[in-house]
């Protein structure tokens, strides 16, 4: 209905209006309707020039494949599942979208293998035993998770004591408060996880 009205506003032959004029005229005549754009006017004008009407254009239905084409596509992927879908569509002289529909109908989906290790129930205990044996024989439930690594080796016992004293003096009350707070937070997460991995609960 509105397309015909817009077409009449455009005019015909040597009595035509510019697109901006049509937009303004439509807005003045139909203020209750959503405004149109010059692009809308251009499309209506182009459709009438090419088709001779402004009716709704039918969308092209996808080309249906024959049973033989579907079977050929299925067999090609069964024989070589690593082949490219675009190359296969080109070889069979069918569209890529048609080929993908055939694969979907046959429940053949693209995938990528990712090797993973399945964890068994006793793997947790094995990992504890594995990590307990190392270069340092840690006592059971030791709070020390890793050995101290010195960036520069101390020159002697006196230098080591001096460094330790300086490190202790650099500790602030706020740092101690944070340590206590995080300790209780980690303790609660460890209890929630039943003593197992709880790092993912901290974030």
N, C-alpha and C. Protein backbone atom coordinates (compact mmCIF):
# COMPACT_ATOMS: atom_id res chain seq x y z
N UNK A 1 0.84 -1.20 0.00
CA UNK A 1 0.00 0.00 0.00
C UNK A 1 0.88 1.26 0.00
N UNK A 2 1.82 1.33 0.97
CA UNK A 2 2.66 2.51 1.07
C UNK A 2 3.67 2.58 -0.07
N UNK A 3 4.06 1.41 -0.59
CA UNK A 3 5.00 1.41 -1.72
C UNK A 3 4.37 2.08 -2.93
N UNK A 4 3.09 1.78 -3.17
CA UNK A 4 2.39 2.39 -4.31
C UNK A 4 2.28 3.90 -4.11
N UNK A 5 1.97 4.30 -2.88
CA UNK A 5 1.88 5.73 -2.58
C UNK A 5 3.21 6.43 -2.82
N UNK A 6 4.29 5.80 -2.37
CA UNK A 6 5.62 6.38 -2.57
C UNK A 6 5.95 6.45 -4.05
N UNK A 7 5.55 5.41 -4.79
CA UNK A 7 5.80 5.40 -6.24
C UNK A 7 5.05 6.53 -6.92
N UNK A 8 3.81 6.78 -6.49
CA UNK A 8 3.03 7.89 -7.05
C UNK A 8 3.67 9.23 -6.72
N UNK A 9 4.24 9.34 -5.53
CA UNK A 9 4.90 10.58 -5.16
C UNK A 9 6.16 10.82 -5.98
N UNK A 10 6.83 9.73 -6.36
CA UNK A 10 8.03 9.87 -7.19
C UNK A 10 7.67 10.47 -8.54
N UNK A 11 6.53 10.02 -9.08
CA UNK A 11 6.11 10.51 -10.39
C UNK A 11 6.66 9.65 -11.51
N UNK A 12 6.48 10.13 -12.75
CA UNK A 12 6.91 9.33 -13.90
C UNK A 12 7.31 10.26 -15.04
N UNK A 13 8.24 9.78 -15.86
CA UNK A 13 8.65 10.56 -17.03
C UNK A 13 9.40 11.81 -16.63
N UNK A 14 8.97 12.94 -17.24
CA UNK A 14 9.67 14.20 -16.96
C UNK A 14 9.07 14.92 -15.75
N UNK A 15 8.09 14.29 -15.11
CA UNK A 15 7.48 14.90 -13.93
C UNK A 15 7.80 14.03 -12.71
N UNK A 16 9.05 14.00 -12.33
CA UNK A 16 9.48 13.21 -11.18
C UNK A 16 10.04 14.12 -10.09
N UNK A 17 9.95 13.63 -8.85
CA UNK A 17 10.49 14.37 -7.71
C UNK A 17 11.81 13.74 -7.28
N UNK A 18 12.64 14.56 -6.69
CA UNK A 18 13.88 14.05 -6.12
C UNK A 18 13.55 13.25 -4.86
N UNK A 19 14.46 12.34 -4.49
CA UNK A 19 14.22 11.46 -3.34
C UNK A 19 13.98 12.26 -2.06
N UNK A 20 14.74 13.32 -1.86
CA UNK A 20 14.56 14.14 -0.66
C UNK A 20 13.17 14.76 -0.61
N UNK A 21 12.64 15.16 -1.79
CA UNK A 21 11.29 15.73 -1.84
C UNK A 21 10.25 14.69 -1.49
N UNK A 22 10.45 13.45 -1.98
CA UNK A 22 9.50 12.37 -1.69
C UNK A 22 9.48 12.07 -0.19
N UNK A 23 10.66 12.04 0.42
CA UNK A 23 10.75 11.80 1.87
C UNK A 23 9.99 12.87 2.64
N UNK A 24 10.19 14.15 2.26
CA UNK A 24 9.52 15.25 2.93
C UNK A 24 8.01 15.19 2.72
N UNK A 25 7.57 14.90 1.49
CA UNK A 25 6.15 14.84 1.17
C UNK A 25 5.46 13.71 1.93
N UNK A 26 6.13 12.56 2.02
CA UNK A 26 5.55 11.41 2.73
C UNK A 26 5.40 11.74 4.22
N UNK A 27 6.40 12.43 4.79
CA UNK A 27 6.34 12.80 6.20
C UNK A 27 5.20 13.77 6.47
N UNK A 28 4.97 14.72 5.53
CA UNK A 28 3.90 15.70 5.71
C UNK A 28 2.53 15.06 5.56
N UNK A 29 2.41 14.11 4.63
CA UNK A 29 1.10 13.50 4.36
C UNK A 29 0.76 12.43 5.39
N UNK A 30 1.78 11.72 5.89
CA UNK A 30 1.53 10.64 6.86
C UNK A 30 2.40 10.86 8.11
N UNK A 31 2.07 11.87 8.90
CA UNK A 31 2.90 12.15 10.10
C UNK A 31 2.79 11.05 11.16
N UNK A 32 1.71 10.26 11.10
CA UNK A 32 1.53 9.21 12.11
C UNK A 32 2.37 7.96 11.81
N UNK A 33 2.90 7.87 10.58
CA UNK A 33 3.70 6.70 10.19
C UNK A 33 5.18 6.96 10.43
N UNK A 34 5.96 5.88 10.59
CA UNK A 34 7.41 6.06 10.72
C UNK A 34 7.97 6.72 9.46
N UNK A 35 8.91 7.64 9.60
CA UNK A 35 9.46 8.32 8.42
C UNK A 35 10.24 7.34 7.54
N UNK A 36 10.27 7.63 6.25
CA UNK A 36 11.03 6.80 5.31
C UNK A 36 12.35 7.50 5.00
N UNK A 37 13.28 6.74 4.44
CA UNK A 37 14.58 7.30 4.09
C UNK A 37 14.71 7.40 2.57
N UNK A 38 15.71 8.11 2.13
CA UNK A 38 15.96 8.20 0.69
C UNK A 38 16.36 6.84 0.12
N UNK A 39 16.97 5.99 0.97
CA UNK A 39 17.32 4.65 0.52
C UNK A 39 16.08 3.83 0.20
N UNK A 40 15.02 4.00 1.01
CA UNK A 40 13.76 3.29 0.75
C UNK A 40 13.16 3.74 -0.57
N UNK A 41 13.17 5.03 -0.81
CA UNK A 41 12.64 5.56 -2.07
C UNK A 41 13.44 5.02 -3.25
N UNK A 42 14.75 4.96 -3.10
CA UNK A 42 15.62 4.47 -4.17
C UNK A 42 15.33 3.01 -4.49
N UNK A 43 15.14 2.19 -3.45
CA UNK A 43 14.87 0.76 -3.67
C UNK A 43 13.53 0.55 -4.37
N UNK A 44 12.51 1.30 -3.96
CA UNK A 44 11.19 1.17 -4.60
C UNK A 44 11.27 1.58 -6.06
N UNK A 45 11.97 2.66 -6.33
CA UNK A 45 12.11 3.14 -7.70
C UNK A 45 12.87 2.12 -8.55
N UNK A 46 13.92 1.54 -7.98
CA UNK A 46 14.73 0.56 -8.72
C UNK A 46 13.94 -0.71 -8.98
N UNK A 47 13.15 -1.18 -7.98
CA UNK A 47 12.35 -2.38 -8.16
C UNK A 47 11.31 -2.19 -9.26
N UNK A 48 10.66 -1.03 -9.28
CA UNK A 48 9.65 -0.78 -10.31
C UNK A 48 10.28 -0.72 -11.69
N UNK A 49 11.48 -0.15 -11.76
CA UNK A 49 12.16 -0.04 -13.05
C UNK A 49 12.58 -1.42 -13.57
N UNK A 50 12.97 -2.32 -12.65
CA UNK A 50 13.45 -3.64 -13.08
C UNK A 50 12.33 -4.66 -13.22
N UNK A 51 11.32 -4.61 -12.32
CA UNK A 51 10.28 -5.65 -12.29
C UNK A 51 8.93 -5.18 -12.82
N UNK A 52 8.70 -3.87 -12.87
CA UNK A 52 7.42 -3.37 -13.33
C UNK A 52 6.35 -3.39 -12.27
N UNK A 53 6.72 -3.70 -11.04
CA UNK A 53 5.76 -3.70 -9.92
C UNK A 53 6.55 -3.45 -8.63
N UNK A 54 5.80 -3.21 -7.54
CA UNK A 54 6.45 -2.98 -6.25
C UNK A 54 5.94 -3.98 -5.21
N UNK A 55 5.44 -5.13 -5.69
CA UNK A 55 4.99 -6.18 -4.77
C UNK A 55 6.20 -6.80 -4.06
N UNK A 56 5.89 -7.51 -2.97
CA UNK A 56 6.95 -8.18 -2.22
C UNK A 56 7.62 -9.22 -3.10
N UNK A 57 8.92 -9.13 -3.21
CA UNK A 57 9.65 -10.08 -4.04
C UNK A 57 9.81 -11.40 -3.31
N UNK A 58 9.60 -12.49 -4.03
CA UNK A 58 9.77 -13.82 -3.44
C UNK A 58 11.25 -14.14 -3.31
N UNK A 59 11.59 -14.68 -2.16
CA UNK A 59 12.97 -15.09 -1.95
C UNK A 59 13.23 -16.40 -2.70
N UNK A 60 14.39 -16.46 -3.28
CA UNK A 60 14.74 -17.68 -4.00
C UNK A 60 14.89 -18.84 -3.03
N UNK A 61 14.13 -19.89 -3.29
CA UNK A 61 14.22 -21.08 -2.45
C UNK A 61 15.54 -21.79 -2.72
N UNK A 62 16.15 -22.38 -1.69
CA UNK A 62 17.40 -23.09 -1.91
C UNK A 62 17.22 -24.26 -2.87
N UNK A 63 18.22 -24.46 -3.71
CA UNK A 63 18.16 -25.55 -4.67
C UNK A 63 18.15 -26.88 -3.94
N UNK A 64 17.19 -27.73 -4.29
CA UNK A 64 17.11 -29.04 -3.67
C UNK A 64 18.04 -30.00 -4.40
N UNK A 65 18.76 -30.78 -3.61
CA UNK A 65 19.69 -31.75 -4.18
C UNK A 65 18.96 -33.06 -4.43
N UNK A 66 19.41 -33.76 -5.45
CA UNK A 66 18.85 -35.08 -5.73
C UNK A 66 19.40 -36.07 -4.71
N UNK A 67 18.76 -37.22 -4.62
CA UNK A 67 19.23 -38.25 -3.70
C UNK A 67 20.64 -38.71 -4.06
N UNK A 68 20.93 -38.75 -5.37
CA UNK A 68 22.28 -39.16 -5.80
C UNK A 68 23.33 -38.16 -5.34
N UNK A 69 23.02 -36.86 -5.43
CA UNK A 69 23.96 -35.84 -4.99
C UNK A 69 24.20 -35.92 -3.48
N UNK A 70 23.12 -36.15 -2.74
CA UNK A 70 23.27 -36.28 -1.29
C UNK A 70 24.12 -37.49 -0.93
N UNK A 71 23.90 -38.59 -1.65
CA UNK A 71 24.67 -39.80 -1.38
C UNK A 71 26.14 -39.60 -1.73
N UNK A 72 26.41 -38.93 -2.85
CA UNK A 72 27.80 -38.65 -3.25
C UNK A 72 28.51 -37.81 -2.18
N UNK A 73 27.81 -36.80 -1.67
CA UNK A 73 28.41 -35.94 -0.65
C UNK A 73 28.71 -36.72 0.62
N UNK A 74 27.77 -37.57 1.02
CA UNK A 74 27.97 -38.36 2.23
C UNK A 74 29.14 -39.32 2.07
N UNK A 75 29.21 -40.00 0.91
CA UNK A 75 30.28 -40.97 0.68
C UNK A 75 31.65 -40.31 0.63
N UNK A 76 31.73 -39.12 0.05
CA UNK A 76 33.01 -38.43 -0.04
C UNK A 76 33.57 -38.12 1.34
N UNK A 77 32.70 -37.75 2.27
CA UNK A 77 33.18 -37.43 3.62
C UNK A 77 33.44 -38.69 4.44
N UNK A 78 32.71 -39.77 4.14
CA UNK A 78 32.99 -41.02 4.84
C UNK A 78 34.34 -41.59 4.42
N UNK A 79 34.69 -41.43 3.13
CA UNK A 79 35.96 -41.93 2.63
C UNK A 79 37.12 -41.04 3.07
N UNK A 80 36.89 -39.73 3.13
CA UNK A 80 37.95 -38.81 3.54
C UNK A 80 37.35 -37.74 4.46
N UNK A 81 37.24 -38.04 5.76
CA UNK A 81 36.60 -37.09 6.68
C UNK A 81 37.38 -35.81 6.90
N UNK A 82 38.64 -35.74 6.45
CA UNK A 82 39.45 -34.54 6.65
C UNK A 82 39.39 -33.58 5.46
N UNK A 83 38.58 -33.90 4.47
CA UNK A 83 38.51 -33.05 3.29
C UNK A 83 37.80 -31.73 3.59
N UNK A 84 38.05 -30.73 2.77
CA UNK A 84 37.43 -29.42 2.95
C UNK A 84 36.01 -29.44 2.40
N UNK A 85 35.08 -28.85 3.14
CA UNK A 85 33.68 -28.82 2.69
C UNK A 85 33.54 -27.94 1.44
N UNK A 86 34.30 -26.87 1.35
CA UNK A 86 34.22 -25.99 0.18
C UNK A 86 34.76 -26.69 -1.07
N UNK A 87 35.86 -27.41 -0.91
CA UNK A 87 36.42 -28.14 -2.05
C UNK A 87 35.48 -29.24 -2.51
N UNK A 88 34.85 -29.91 -1.54
CA UNK A 88 33.90 -30.97 -1.88
C UNK A 88 32.69 -30.40 -2.62
N UNK A 89 32.17 -29.27 -2.14
CA UNK A 89 31.03 -28.63 -2.81
C UNK A 89 31.38 -28.25 -4.23
N UNK A 90 32.59 -27.74 -4.43
CA UNK A 90 33.03 -27.36 -5.78
C UNK A 90 33.17 -28.59 -6.66
N UNK A 91 33.70 -29.69 -6.10
CA UNK A 91 33.88 -30.91 -6.88
C UNK A 91 32.55 -31.53 -7.28
N UNK A 92 31.54 -31.41 -6.41
CA UNK A 92 30.22 -31.97 -6.71
C UNK A 92 29.33 -30.99 -7.47
N UNK A 93 29.84 -29.77 -7.68
CA UNK A 93 29.10 -28.74 -8.41
C UNK A 93 27.78 -28.39 -7.70
N UNK A 94 27.87 -28.25 -6.37
CA UNK A 94 26.71 -27.83 -5.58
C UNK A 94 27.17 -26.67 -4.69
N UNK A 95 26.21 -25.95 -4.12
CA UNK A 95 26.56 -24.82 -3.27
C UNK A 95 27.09 -25.32 -1.93
N UNK A 96 27.89 -24.48 -1.31
CA UNK A 96 28.46 -24.85 -0.01
C UNK A 96 27.38 -25.01 1.05
N UNK A 97 26.37 -24.14 1.03
CA UNK A 97 25.28 -24.23 2.01
C UNK A 97 24.48 -25.52 1.84
N UNK A 98 24.30 -25.96 0.58
CA UNK A 98 23.58 -27.21 0.33
C UNK A 98 24.36 -28.39 0.89
N UNK A 99 25.67 -28.35 0.71
CA UNK A 99 26.51 -29.44 1.23
C UNK A 99 26.45 -29.49 2.75
N UNK A 100 26.49 -28.33 3.39
CA UNK A 100 26.42 -28.29 4.85
C UNK A 100 25.09 -28.83 5.36
N UNK A 101 24.00 -28.58 4.62
CA UNK A 101 22.70 -29.13 5.00
C UNK A 101 22.73 -30.66 4.94
N UNK A 102 23.37 -31.20 3.90
CA UNK A 102 23.46 -32.65 3.76
C UNK A 102 24.24 -33.24 4.94
N UNK A 103 25.35 -32.60 5.29
CA UNK A 103 26.16 -33.10 6.40
C UNK A 103 25.38 -33.04 7.71
N UNK A 104 24.61 -31.97 7.91
CA UNK A 104 23.82 -31.83 9.14
C UNK A 104 22.74 -32.90 9.20
N UNK A 105 22.10 -33.17 8.06
CA UNK A 105 21.07 -34.20 8.02
C UNK A 105 21.63 -35.57 8.38
N UNK A 106 22.89 -35.80 8.05
CA UNK A 106 23.54 -37.09 8.35
C UNK A 106 24.33 -37.05 9.65
N UNK A 107 24.11 -35.99 10.44
CA UNK A 107 24.77 -35.83 11.74
C UNK A 107 26.29 -35.89 11.61
N UNK A 108 26.80 -35.25 10.58
CA UNK A 108 28.24 -35.16 10.36
C UNK A 108 28.64 -33.71 10.62
N UNK A 109 29.32 -33.46 11.73
CA UNK A 109 29.65 -32.11 12.13
C UNK A 109 31.17 -31.92 12.16
N UNK A 110 31.64 -30.72 11.86
CA UNK A 110 33.09 -30.46 11.96
C UNK A 110 33.52 -30.48 13.43
N UNK A 111 34.66 -31.05 13.68
CA UNK A 111 35.16 -31.10 15.05
C UNK A 111 36.67 -31.12 15.04
N UNK A 112 37.24 -30.84 16.19
CA UNK A 112 38.69 -30.86 16.36
C UNK A 112 39.01 -31.70 17.59
N UNK A 113 39.87 -32.71 17.40
CA UNK A 113 40.24 -33.58 18.51
C UNK A 113 41.17 -32.85 19.47
N UNK A 114 40.84 -32.92 20.74
CA UNK A 114 41.70 -32.35 21.78
C UNK A 114 42.02 -33.46 22.77
N UNK A 115 43.26 -33.97 22.78
CA UNK A 115 43.59 -35.07 23.70
C UNK A 115 43.55 -34.59 25.15
N UNK A 116 42.89 -35.35 25.99
CA UNK A 116 42.80 -35.03 27.41
C UNK A 116 43.01 -36.30 28.22
N UNK A 117 43.33 -36.14 29.46
CA UNK A 117 43.48 -37.27 30.37
C UNK A 117 42.31 -37.29 31.34
N UNK A 118 41.65 -38.43 31.40
CA UNK A 118 40.54 -38.56 32.33
C UNK A 118 41.08 -38.84 33.73
N UNK A 119 40.59 -38.11 34.72
CA UNK A 119 41.03 -38.29 36.09
C UNK A 119 40.18 -39.35 36.78
N UNK A 120 40.86 -40.32 37.39
CA UNK A 120 40.17 -41.35 38.16
C UNK A 120 40.06 -40.91 39.61
N UNK A 121 39.30 -41.67 40.40
CA UNK A 121 39.06 -41.28 41.79
C UNK A 121 40.33 -41.27 42.62
N UNK A 122 41.26 -42.20 42.34
CA UNK A 122 42.47 -42.29 43.16
C UNK A 122 43.61 -41.43 42.63
N UNK A 123 43.37 -40.65 41.57
CA UNK A 123 44.44 -39.80 41.02
C UNK A 123 44.87 -38.72 42.00
N UNK A 124 43.94 -38.24 42.82
CA UNK A 124 44.27 -37.17 43.77
C UNK A 124 45.35 -37.63 44.74
N UNK A 125 45.17 -38.84 45.30
CA UNK A 125 46.17 -39.36 46.24
C UNK A 125 47.49 -39.62 45.55
N UNK A 126 47.44 -40.10 44.31
CA UNK A 126 48.68 -40.35 43.58
C UNK A 126 49.46 -39.07 43.35
N UNK A 127 48.75 -37.99 43.05
CA UNK A 127 49.44 -36.72 42.80
C UNK A 127 50.09 -36.19 44.08
N UNK A 128 49.45 -36.42 45.21
CA UNK A 128 50.05 -36.00 46.48
C UNK A 128 51.35 -36.75 46.72
N UNK A 129 51.31 -38.08 46.51
CA UNK A 129 52.52 -38.88 46.71
C UNK A 129 53.60 -38.51 45.72
N UNK A 130 53.20 -38.20 44.49
CA UNK A 130 54.19 -37.86 43.46
C UNK A 130 54.94 -36.58 43.81
N UNK A 131 54.23 -35.56 44.24
CA UNK A 131 54.86 -34.28 44.52
C UNK A 131 55.56 -34.26 45.88
N UNK A 132 55.26 -35.21 46.75
CA UNK A 132 55.92 -35.22 48.05
C UNK A 132 57.36 -35.70 47.93
N UNK A 133 57.67 -36.45 46.90
CA UNK A 133 59.03 -36.93 46.68
C UNK A 133 59.71 -36.01 45.68
N UNK A 134 60.66 -35.25 46.14
CA UNK A 134 61.38 -34.35 45.26
C UNK A 134 62.77 -34.12 45.78
N UNK A 135 63.38 -33.02 45.37
CA UNK A 135 64.74 -32.73 45.83
C UNK A 135 64.76 -32.41 47.32
N UNK A 136 63.62 -31.95 47.84
CA UNK A 136 63.51 -31.65 49.27
C UNK A 136 62.46 -32.57 49.88
N UNK A 137 62.80 -33.28 50.94
CA UNK A 137 61.86 -34.17 51.60
C UNK A 137 61.00 -33.36 52.57
N UNK A 138 59.89 -32.83 52.06
CA UNK A 138 59.03 -32.00 52.90
C UNK A 138 58.27 -32.87 53.90
N UNK A 139 58.12 -32.39 55.12
CA UNK A 139 57.29 -33.13 56.08
C UNK A 139 55.82 -33.04 55.66
N UNK A 140 55.03 -33.98 56.16
CA UNK A 140 53.60 -34.00 55.81
C UNK A 140 52.93 -32.72 56.26
N UNK A 141 52.06 -32.18 55.43
CA UNK A 141 51.31 -30.94 55.69
C UNK A 141 52.24 -29.77 56.03
N UNK A 142 53.36 -29.71 55.36
CA UNK A 142 54.29 -28.61 55.60
C UNK A 142 53.72 -27.32 55.03
N UNK A 143 53.81 -26.20 55.76
CA UNK A 143 53.33 -24.92 55.21
C UNK A 143 54.25 -24.39 54.12
N UNK A 144 55.46 -24.93 54.02
CA UNK A 144 56.40 -24.47 52.99
C UNK A 144 56.07 -25.18 51.69
N UNK A 145 55.63 -24.43 50.71
CA UNK A 145 55.25 -25.03 49.43
C UNK A 145 56.44 -25.13 48.49
N UNK A 146 57.36 -24.21 48.56
CA UNK A 146 58.53 -24.23 47.69
C UNK A 146 59.75 -23.81 48.48
N UNK A 147 60.94 -24.31 48.13
CA UNK A 147 62.15 -23.87 48.83
C UNK A 147 62.47 -22.42 48.50
N UNK A 148 63.10 -21.72 49.42
CA UNK A 148 63.46 -20.33 49.20
C UNK A 148 64.56 -20.25 48.15
N UNK A 149 64.39 -19.38 47.19
CA UNK A 149 65.39 -19.19 46.15
C UNK A 149 66.04 -17.83 46.35
N UNK A 150 67.33 -17.82 46.53
CA UNK A 150 68.06 -16.57 46.73
C UNK A 150 68.50 -16.02 45.38
N UNK A 151 68.14 -14.78 45.11
CA UNK A 151 68.56 -14.15 43.85
C UNK A 151 70.07 -14.00 43.81
N UNK A 152 70.63 -13.57 44.93
CA UNK A 152 72.09 -13.49 45.07
C UNK A 152 72.47 -14.23 46.34
N UNK A 153 73.44 -15.10 46.25
CA UNK A 153 73.83 -15.89 47.41
C UNK A 153 74.48 -14.99 48.47
N UNK A 154 74.17 -15.24 49.74
CA UNK A 154 74.80 -14.44 50.80
C UNK A 154 76.30 -14.74 50.88
N UNK A 155 77.06 -13.73 51.31
CA UNK A 155 78.51 -13.89 51.40
C UNK A 155 78.92 -14.77 52.57
N UNK A 156 78.07 -14.84 53.55
CA UNK A 156 78.38 -15.66 54.72
C UNK A 156 77.23 -15.63 55.69
N UNK A 157 77.45 -16.21 56.88
CA UNK A 157 76.39 -16.29 57.87
C UNK A 157 75.97 -14.91 58.35
N UNK A 158 76.94 -14.01 58.52
CA UNK A 158 76.62 -12.66 58.99
C UNK A 158 75.77 -11.91 57.97
N UNK A 159 76.11 -12.08 56.69
CA UNK A 159 75.34 -11.42 55.63
C UNK A 159 73.93 -11.98 55.57
N UNK A 160 73.81 -13.30 55.77
CA UNK A 160 72.49 -13.93 55.76
C UNK A 160 71.63 -13.39 56.90
N UNK A 161 72.24 -13.30 58.12
CA UNK A 161 71.49 -12.77 59.26
C UNK A 161 71.06 -11.32 59.02
N UNK A 162 71.95 -10.54 58.40
CA UNK A 162 71.63 -9.14 58.12
C UNK A 162 70.45 -9.03 57.17
N UNK A 163 70.46 -9.86 56.13
CA UNK A 163 69.34 -9.83 55.16
C UNK A 163 68.03 -10.23 55.82
N UNK A 164 68.09 -11.25 56.67
CA UNK A 164 66.87 -11.69 57.34
C UNK A 164 66.32 -10.58 58.24
N UNK A 165 67.22 -9.91 58.95
CA UNK A 165 66.80 -8.81 59.83
C UNK A 165 66.15 -7.68 59.04
N UNK A 166 66.76 -7.32 57.91
CA UNK A 166 66.19 -6.25 57.07
C UNK A 166 64.83 -6.66 56.51
N UNK A 167 64.70 -7.93 56.12
CA UNK A 167 63.42 -8.40 55.58
C UNK A 167 62.33 -8.35 56.64
N UNK A 168 62.69 -8.73 57.88
CA UNK A 168 61.70 -8.72 58.97
C UNK A 168 61.25 -7.28 59.26
N UNK A 169 62.22 -6.35 59.26
CA UNK A 169 61.88 -4.96 59.56
C UNK A 169 61.02 -4.32 58.47
N UNK A 170 61.07 -4.87 57.25
CA UNK A 170 60.27 -4.30 56.15
C UNK A 170 58.81 -4.75 56.20
N UNK A 171 58.50 -5.71 57.07
CA UNK A 171 57.13 -6.20 57.19
C UNK A 171 56.30 -5.17 57.95
N UNK A 172 55.18 -4.77 57.35
CA UNK A 172 54.30 -3.76 57.96
C UNK A 172 53.11 -4.43 58.64
N UNK A 173 52.46 -3.74 59.57
CA UNK A 173 51.25 -4.30 60.21
C UNK A 173 50.16 -4.65 59.18
N UNK A 174 50.05 -3.85 58.12
CA UNK A 174 49.05 -4.12 57.09
C UNK A 174 49.33 -5.43 56.39
N UNK A 175 50.62 -5.71 56.15
CA UNK A 175 50.99 -6.98 55.51
C UNK A 175 50.59 -8.16 56.38
N UNK A 176 50.80 -8.05 57.69
CA UNK A 176 50.42 -9.13 58.60
C UNK A 176 48.91 -9.32 58.63
N UNK A 177 48.18 -8.20 58.59
CA UNK A 177 46.72 -8.28 58.56
C UNK A 177 46.24 -9.00 57.30
N UNK A 178 46.86 -8.67 56.16
CA UNK A 178 46.50 -9.32 54.90
C UNK A 178 46.81 -10.81 54.93
N UNK A 179 47.94 -11.17 55.54
CA UNK A 179 48.32 -12.59 55.63
C UNK A 179 47.29 -13.36 56.44
N UNK A 180 46.89 -12.81 57.59
CA UNK A 180 45.89 -13.48 58.42
C UNK A 180 44.56 -13.62 57.69
N UNK A 181 44.17 -12.53 57.01
CA UNK A 181 42.88 -12.56 56.30
C UNK A 181 42.90 -13.60 55.18
N UNK A 182 43.98 -13.64 54.41
CA UNK A 182 44.07 -14.61 53.32
C UNK A 182 44.21 -16.04 53.84
N UNK A 183 44.86 -16.18 54.99
CA UNK A 183 45.00 -17.53 55.55
C UNK A 183 43.63 -18.12 55.87
N UNK A 184 42.78 -17.34 56.53
CA UNK A 184 41.45 -17.83 56.87
C UNK A 184 40.59 -18.02 55.63
N UNK A 185 40.80 -17.16 54.62
CA UNK A 185 40.07 -17.33 53.36
C UNK A 185 40.46 -18.63 52.69
N UNK A 186 41.76 -18.91 52.62
CA UNK A 186 42.24 -20.15 52.00
C UNK A 186 41.80 -21.36 52.81
N UNK A 187 41.79 -21.21 54.12
CA UNK A 187 41.38 -22.32 54.98
C UNK A 187 39.92 -22.69 54.72
N UNK A 188 39.07 -21.67 54.59
CA UNK A 188 37.65 -21.94 54.31
C UNK A 188 37.45 -22.58 52.96
N UNK A 189 38.20 -22.11 51.94
CA UNK A 189 38.09 -22.70 50.60
C UNK A 189 38.57 -24.14 50.59
N UNK A 190 39.64 -24.41 51.36
CA UNK A 190 40.16 -25.77 51.45
C UNK A 190 39.13 -26.70 52.09
N UNK A 191 38.43 -26.21 53.12
CA UNK A 191 37.39 -27.01 53.76
C UNK A 191 36.22 -27.25 52.81
N UNK A 192 35.83 -26.21 52.05
CA UNK A 192 34.73 -26.36 51.09
C UNK A 192 35.06 -27.38 50.02
N UNK A 193 36.36 -27.46 49.64
CA UNK A 193 36.78 -28.40 48.59
C UNK A 193 37.11 -29.77 49.14
N UNK A 194 36.90 -29.98 50.43
CA UNK A 194 37.18 -31.28 51.02
C UNK A 194 38.66 -31.62 51.05
N UNK A 195 39.51 -30.61 51.14
CA UNK A 195 40.94 -30.84 51.18
C UNK A 195 41.58 -31.00 49.82
N UNK A 196 40.80 -30.86 48.76
CA UNK A 196 41.35 -31.01 47.42
C UNK A 196 41.68 -29.63 46.84
N UNK A 197 41.85 -29.57 45.52
CA UNK A 197 42.24 -28.30 44.89
C UNK A 197 41.17 -27.24 45.12
N UNK A 198 41.62 -26.07 45.54
CA UNK A 198 40.66 -24.99 45.81
C UNK A 198 41.08 -23.67 45.19
N UNK A 199 42.16 -23.68 44.38
CA UNK A 199 42.63 -22.42 43.79
C UNK A 199 41.56 -21.74 42.96
N UNK A 200 40.72 -22.54 42.28
CA UNK A 200 39.68 -21.96 41.42
C UNK A 200 38.61 -21.23 42.23
N UNK A 201 38.52 -21.51 43.54
CA UNK A 201 37.53 -20.84 44.38
C UNK A 201 38.00 -19.47 44.85
N UNK A 202 39.27 -19.16 44.63
CA UNK A 202 39.82 -17.90 45.12
C UNK A 202 39.56 -16.74 44.18
N UNK A 203 39.13 -17.03 42.95
CA UNK A 203 38.96 -15.97 41.94
C UNK A 203 37.48 -15.66 41.74
